[in-house]
Amino acid sequence: MKQKTKIVLSCFIGALIGVVISVLITIIISLTVHDGSYYAAPPDLIRTCGNEINAVILEMVLSLLYGAVWGGASWIWKIDHWSILRQTVTHLIICSAVTFPIAYLADWMPHNAAGIVKYFGIFVAVYLIIWFSQYSKMKKRVQQINARLNKNL
């Protein structure tokens, strides 16, 4: 399969995962409210869109885009001639440049300076936690492979 086709496939799979995660989040939020209702979209987004179905459609489109970008951006990690720093910074910039406007439009954050600062703080913290866990996992795998190679020499 050609690389462009694989990237498009990654975007498509990422888009589907984005929608699944979005729906799971609405279910989790609805369960935590404990009133037996399903909250399909944030109340501010419903007000902005005029009704619930328009808000849900917008949120699903934004979730598709969100997932597609993250899926496509995962290919940055396959550019072997780039340093891990360049890969990380490029991935972080692309993902945050797309994630922020989506979070803002979907009303996943307050539309004020404090909300923006809090959003970026949480985004960077979660990104770093995931990055360090993935890095540690890969480093351990490389050490295991090297140990097996040294054992066979």
C-alpha atoms as a PDB file:
ATOM      1  CA  MET A   1       0.000   0.000   0.000  1.00  0.00           C
ATOM      2  CA  LYS A   2       1.351   3.439  -0.875  1.00  0.00           C
ATOM      3  CA  GLN A   3       2.314   5.751   1.955  1.00  0.00           C
ATOM      4  CA  LYS A   4      -0.286   8.415   1.001  1.00  0.00           C
ATOM      5  CA  THR A   5      -3.005   5.773   1.120  1.00  0.00           C
ATOM      6  CA  LYS A   6      -1.781   4.649   4.550  1.00  0.00           C
ATOM      7  CA  ILE A   7      -1.831   8.242   5.814  1.00  0.00           C
ATOM      8  CA  VAL A   8      -5.391   8.743   4.506  1.00  0.00           C
ATOM      9  CA  LEU A   9      -6.394   5.465   6.163  1.00  0.00           C
ATOM     10  CA  SER A  10      -4.839   6.666   9.435  1.00  0.00           C
ATOM     11  CA  CYS A  11      -6.836   9.899   9.140  1.00  0.00           C
ATOM     12  CA  PHE A  12     -10.034   7.946   8.494  1.00  0.00           C
ATOM     13  CA  ILE A  13      -9.471   5.587  11.428  1.00  0.00           C
ATOM     14  CA  GLY A  14      -8.541   8.563  13.599  1.00  0.00           C
ATOM     15  CA  ALA A  15     -11.768  10.320  12.583  1.00  0.00           C
ATOM     16  CA  LEU A  16     -13.824   7.311  13.639  1.00  0.00           C
ATOM     17  CA  ILE A  17     -11.939   7.056  16.924  1.00  0.00           C
ATOM     18  CA  GLY A  18     -12.533  10.798  17.464  1.00  0.00           C
ATOM     19  CA  VAL A  19     -16.291  10.311  17.175  1.00  0.00           C
ATOM     20  CA  VAL A  20     -16.270   7.246  19.425  1.00  0.00           C
ATOM     21  CA  ILE A  21     -14.317   9.132  22.094  1.00  0.00           C
ATOM     22  CA  SER A  22     -16.652  12.118  21.768  1.00  0.00           C
ATOM     23  CA  VAL A  23     -19.724   9.921  22.298  1.00  0.00           C
ATOM     24  CA  LEU A  24     -18.076   8.122  25.226  1.00  0.00           C
ATOM     25  CA  ILE A  25     -17.308  11.471  26.843  1.00  0.00           C
ATOM     26  CA  THR A  26     -20.956  12.550  26.538  1.00  0.00           C
ATOM     27  CA  ILE A  27     -22.035   9.269  28.143  1.00  0.00           C
ATOM     28  CA  ILE A  28     -19.523   9.673  30.987  1.00  0.00           C
ATOM     29  CA  ILE A  29     -20.605  13.273  31.584  1.00  0.00           C
ATOM     30  CA  SER A  30     -24.267  12.212  31.539  1.00  0.00           C
ATOM     31  CA  LEU A  31     -23.562   9.441  34.060  1.00  0.00           C
ATOM     32  CA  THR A  32     -21.728  11.821  36.402  1.00  0.00           C
ATOM     33  CA  VAL A  33     -24.666  14.260  36.481  1.00  0.00           C
ATOM     34  CA  HIS A  34     -26.813  11.490  38.059  1.00  0.00           C
ATOM     35  CA  ASP A  35     -30.179  12.760  36.845  1.00  0.00           C
ATOM     36  CA  GLY A  36     -30.963  10.029  34.294  1.00  0.00           C
ATOM     37  CA  SER A  37     -30.653  12.394  31.321  1.00  0.00           C
ATOM     38  CA  TYR A  38     -28.316  12.123  28.351  1.00  0.00           C
ATOM     39  CA  TYR A  39     -26.333  15.280  27.634  1.00  0.00           C
ATOM     40  CA  ALA A  40     -25.446  15.087  23.950  1.00  0.00           C
ATOM     41  CA  ALA A  41     -23.628  18.429  23.790  1.00  0.00           C
ATOM     42  CA  PRO A  42     -22.497  21.237  26.102  1.00  0.00           C
ATOM     43  CA  PRO A  43     -25.351  23.645  26.959  1.00  0.00           C
ATOM     44  CA  ASP A  44     -23.392  26.629  25.604  1.00  0.00           C
ATOM     45  CA  LEU A  45     -22.934  24.863  22.263  1.00  0.00           C
ATOM     46  CA  ILE A  46     -26.658  24.087  22.112  1.00  0.00           C
ATOM     47  CA  ARG A  47     -27.432  27.775  22.709  1.00  0.00           C
ATOM     48  CA  THR A  48     -24.883  28.844  20.086  1.00  0.00           C
ATOM     49  CA  CYS A  49     -26.251  26.387  17.497  1.00  0.00           C
ATOM     50  CA  GLY A  50     -29.891  27.138  18.226  1.00  0.00           C
ATOM     51  CA  ASN A  51     -30.888  23.583  19.116  1.00  0.00           C
ATOM     52  CA  GLU A  52     -29.536  20.260  20.303  1.00  0.00           C
ATOM     53  CA  ILE A  53     -29.406  18.460  16.944  1.00  0.00           C
ATOM     54  CA  ASN A  54     -27.374  21.256  15.327  1.00  0.00           C
ATOM     55  CA  ALA A  55     -24.997  21.190  18.297  1.00  0.00           C
ATOM     56  CA  VAL A  56     -24.582  17.406  18.055  1.00  0.00           C
ATOM     57  CA  ILE A  57     -23.948  17.582  14.299  1.00  0.00           C
ATOM     58  CA  LEU A  58     -21.337  20.315  14.770  1.00  0.00           C
ATOM     59  CA  GLU A  59     -19.698  18.386  17.602  1.00  0.00           C
ATOM     60  CA  MET A  60     -19.566  15.194  15.500  1.00  0.00           C
ATOM     61  CA  VAL A  61     -18.021  17.040  12.529  1.00  0.00           C
ATOM     62  CA  LEU A  62     -15.469  18.654  14.842  1.00  0.00           C
ATOM     63  CA  SER A  63     -14.756  15.269  16.466  1.00  0.00           C
ATOM     64  CA  LEU A  64     -14.214  13.710  13.021  1.00  0.00           C
ATOM     65  CA  LEU A  65     -11.759  16.491  12.154  1.00  0.00           C
ATOM     66  CA  TYR A  66     -10.060  16.225  15.545  1.00  0.00           C
ATOM     67  CA  GLY A  67      -9.538  12.480  15.203  1.00  0.00           C
ATOM     68  CA  ALA A  68      -8.457  12.733  11.570  1.00  0.00           C
ATOM     69  CA  VAL A  69      -5.731  15.252  12.381  1.00  0.00           C
ATOM     70  CA  TRP A  70      -4.422  13.181  15.290  1.00  0.00           C
ATOM     71  CA  GLY A  71      -4.525  10.048  13.142  1.00  0.00           C
ATOM     72  CA  GLY A  72      -2.652  11.729  10.309  1.00  0.00           C
ATOM     73  CA  ALA A  73      -0.208  13.444  12.649  1.00  0.00           C
ATOM     74  CA  SER A  74       0.797  10.052  14.034  1.00  0.00           C
ATOM     75  CA  TRP A  75       2.835   9.607  10.856  1.00  0.00           C
ATOM     76  CA  ILE A  76       5.260  12.227  12.136  1.00  0.00           C
ATOM     77  CA  TRP A  77       6.643   9.513  14.435  1.00  0.00           C
ATOM     78  CA  LYS A  78       7.638   7.457  11.385  1.00  0.00           C
ATOM     79  CA  ILE A  79      10.017  10.102   9.996  1.00  0.00           C
ATOM     80  CA  ASP A  80      13.195   8.331  11.040  1.00  0.00           C
ATOM     81  CA  HIS A  81      15.632  11.009   9.884  1.00  0.00           C
ATOM     82  CA  TRP A  82      14.077  13.541  12.306  1.00  0.00           C
ATOM     83  CA  SER A  83      15.210  13.781  15.912  1.00  0.00           C
ATOM     84  CA  ILE A  84      12.752  12.875  18.661  1.00  0.00           C
ATOM     85  CA  LEU A  85      12.725  16.569  19.629  1.00  0.00           C
ATOM     86  CA  ARG A  86      11.757  17.670  16.113  1.00  0.00           C
ATOM     87  CA  GLN A  87       9.088  14.968  15.893  1.00  0.00           C
ATOM     88  CA  THR A  88       7.639  15.927  19.284  1.00  0.00           C
ATOM     89  CA  VAL A  89       7.603  19.671  18.642  1.00  0.00           C
ATOM     90  CA  THR A  90       6.098  19.244  15.161  1.00  0.00           C
ATOM     91  CA  HIS A  91       3.452  16.814  16.435  1.00  0.00           C
ATOM     92  CA  LEU A  92       2.613  19.069  19.379  1.00  0.00           C
ATOM     93  CA  ILE A  93       2.297  22.177  17.188  1.00  0.00           C
ATOM     94  CA  ILE A  94       0.094  20.481  14.578  1.00  0.00           C
ATOM     95  CA  CYS A  95      -2.157  18.826  17.132  1.00  0.00           C
ATOM     96  CA  SER A  96      -2.518  21.855  19.374  1.00  0.00           C
ATOM     97  CA  ALA A  97      -3.072  24.177  16.382  1.00  0.00           C
ATOM     98  CA  VAL A  98      -6.060  22.061  15.361  1.00  0.00           C
ATOM     99  CA  THR A  99      -7.254  20.990  18.797  1.00  0.00           C
ATOM    100  CA  PHE A 100      -7.542  24.492  20.262  1.00  0.00           C
ATOM    101  CA  PRO A 101      -9.951  25.940  17.670  1.00  0.00           C
ATOM    102  CA  ILE A 102     -12.038  22.766  17.805  1.00  0.00           C
ATOM    103  CA  ALA A 103     -12.208  22.888  21.618  1.00  0.00           C
ATOM    104  CA  TYR A 104     -13.130  26.567  21.403  1.00  0.00           C
ATOM    105  CA  LEU A 105     -15.836  26.092  18.746  1.00  0.00           C
ATOM    106  CA  ALA A 106     -17.291  23.044  20.506  1.00  0.00           C
ATOM    107  CA  ASP A 107     -17.490  24.919  23.818  1.00  0.00           C
ATOM    108  CA  TRP A 108     -15.286  22.358  25.529  1.00  0.00           C
ATOM    109  CA  MET A 109     -13.691  25.270  27.396  1.00  0.00           C
ATOM    110  CA  PRO A 110     -14.730  28.687  28.699  1.00  0.00           C
ATOM    111  CA  HIS A 111     -14.306  31.506  26.183  1.00  0.00           C
ATOM    112  CA  ASN A 112     -12.123  33.750  28.333  1.00  0.00           C
ATOM    113  CA  ALA A 113      -8.424  34.172  29.099  1.00  0.00           C
ATOM    114  CA  ALA A 114      -8.558  31.956  32.199  1.00  0.00           C
ATOM    115  CA  GLY A 115     -10.352  29.216  30.258  1.00  0.00           C
ATOM    116  CA  ILE A 116      -7.767  29.351  27.472  1.00  0.00           C
ATOM    117  CA  VAL A 117      -4.844  29.201  29.906  1.00  0.00           C
ATOM    118  CA  LYS A 118      -6.466  26.320  31.811  1.00  0.00           C
ATOM    119  CA  TYR A 119      -7.197  24.514  28.529  1.00  0.00           C
ATOM    120  CA  PHE A 120      -3.577  24.768  27.344  1.00  0.00           C
ATOM    121  CA  GLY A 121      -2.293  23.741  30.767  1.00  0.00           C
ATOM    122  CA  ILE A 122      -4.430  20.609  30.770  1.00  0.00           C
ATOM    123  CA  PHE A 123      -3.647  19.904  27.094  1.00  0.00           C
ATOM    124  CA  VAL A 124       0.122  20.143  27.600  1.00  0.00           C
ATOM    125  CA  ALA A 125      -0.005  18.134  30.839  1.00  0.00           C
ATOM    126  CA  VAL A 126      -1.979  15.298  29.223  1.00  0.00           C
ATOM    127  CA  TYR A 127       0.247  15.432  26.128  1.00  0.00           C
ATOM    128  CA  LEU A 128       3.401  15.162  28.245  1.00  0.00           C
ATOM    129  CA  ILE A 129       2.014  12.307  30.345  1.00  0.00           C
ATOM    130  CA  ILE A 130       1.138  10.339  27.219  1.00  0.00           C
ATOM    131  CA  TRP A 131       4.449  11.243  25.549  1.00  0.00           C
ATOM    132  CA  PHE A 132       6.547  10.144  28.551  1.00  0.00           C
ATOM    133  CA  SER A 133       4.599   6.902  28.936  1.00  0.00           C
ATOM    134  CA  GLN A 134       5.046   6.076  25.234  1.00  0.00           C
ATOM    135  CA  TYR A 135       8.705   7.079  25.322  1.00  0.00           C
ATOM    136  CA  SER A 136       9.350   4.895  28.377  1.00  0.00           C
ATOM    137  CA  LYS A 137       7.550   1.963  26.775  1.00  0.00           C
ATOM    138  CA  MET A 138       9.576   2.275  23.547  1.00  0.00           C
ATOM    139  CA  LYS A 139      12.842   2.727  25.448  1.00  0.00           C
ATOM    140  CA  LYS A 140      12.144  -0.464  27.389  1.00  0.00           C
ATOM    141  CA  ARG A 141      11.393  -2.352  24.149  1.00  0.00           C
ATOM    142  CA  VAL A 142      14.657  -1.142  22.596  1.00  0.00           C
ATOM    143  CA  GLN A 143      16.574  -2.261  25.699  1.00  0.00           C
ATOM    144  CA  GLN A 144      14.929  -5.702  25.515  1.00  0.00           C
ATOM    145  CA  ILE A 145      15.781  -6.038  21.823  1.00  0.00           C
ATOM    146  CA  ASN A 146      19.373  -4.949  22.484  1.00  0.00           C
ATOM    147  CA  ALA A 147      19.665  -7.444  25.337  1.00  0.00           C
ATOM    148  CA  ARG A 148      18.457 -10.262  23.070  1.00  0.00           C
ATOM    149  CA  LEU A 149      20.862  -9.192  20.333  1.00  0.00           C
ATOM    150  CA  ASN A 150      23.779  -9.071  22.789  1.00  0.00           C
ATOM    151  CA  LYS A 151      22.812 -12.475  24.131  1.00  0.00           C
ATOM    152  CA  ASN A 152      22.880 -13.961  20.614  1.00  0.00           C
ATOM    153  CA  LEU A 153      26.300 -12.517  19.817  1.00  0.00           C
END
